[in-house]
Every structure is written in structure tokens, then in C-alpha cells.
Amino acid sequence: HSSPGAAADAEAWERLWAQSQLVLHVEGRELTCSLSAPCDLLAELVPCWQPVPSGPCQPLPGLQQPARGQGPQELGGLRPHPNLCVQVWSSGQVRLTQCLRDREYCWALPGRPDDLLLLEHGGNTSLCALERGACTPLASFTSVGAGHPGLLEQDLRQDVAEGQCQQV
């Protein structure tokens, strides 16, 4: 059981987060965001990929960064895509989530909701496809998920080689 002080503390935090807002900005082809809060919060910005609206959002590896208070913050050179969201994590919980598809002019963004996200691991060319919370290496990838069933690796590799993919 927690002391009354801890409960009051938790309530104060809830109120603080309720008064905070995360805003995503698209500047040209760069995605930035700003966190406005009544005071400086110890929090982390976590870009994530959400193929299904209000479905799970898969954090993108290596792009988390501490929130730096007021003012816009770059997100590791991410390009805008309707499936991109940014979550604000604090004390092990998601406090705020903002998605590009929720914005009024999301139709202006390049990319389609059923796009498949391929991740490249640290400069080597092994690609993996992000789906259902895991990144499946292309070498063993035949999508049985939503979207494109039976997408073969060579098709994907060919698309990548032909530059039919867009970087986010």
C-alpha cells in the first residue's frame, strides 16, 4: 500500500500531464515536435510506427531522446509519414501520444497507411520488416500480417533496389 503522500503526488503528476501538450511539426521534409508543459518534465520522446489507427505503436529503435523542455526538437532526421507517431514516456508509462495522421492536413503527407516499414540495422544492408511488435529479417520474411500477404523478400529487395521505397 502507498502512503497518502504518494497518492497525492501521483494526482499532481496526472494534473501536470493533463496540462501538457505534444505538438508535431512538419518543416519541409523534417519532422520535429515540441512538448509544452507547465514546468520542465523528466521525459523521453519516443518516435514509433503505428500501422493501424489507435492500434499498438512500435517504438523505432535508436531514436529515443530526452525531452528538452520548450521549443521544437528534431527527431533524428525522421521524414513525415502518416503512420509515424511520437510518444512521451515518463516513469515507465506513455503519457502523451501524437500521430501525424491525426493532423488536419495529413492527406498532404507522402506515403500510405498500408506501407510496410523496413528498418536498416546500423549501416549494414540487412533490412527487416516491422510488424506486430517485432522486426522480421527480410531473409525470413513472408508477411502473413495485415496488408500484403505473402510478400516475398525478392519483391521487397527489388523495390528497395529500384528506389521505390521512401525513407522516413
Foldseek 3Di string as FASTA:
>chain_A
DDDPVVVVVVVVVLVFLVQKDKAWDCDPFFIKIFIETPDDDFKKKFKFFALDVVDDTATDPPFIDTHDYGDIDGGPRAGDDQRIKIFIDDPRDTSDIDGLVPDPVSVPGDDDSLDWDWDAPDPDRFIFTDDDRDTHTLVPDQDPDPRDGGDHSVNVVVCVVVVVDDGD
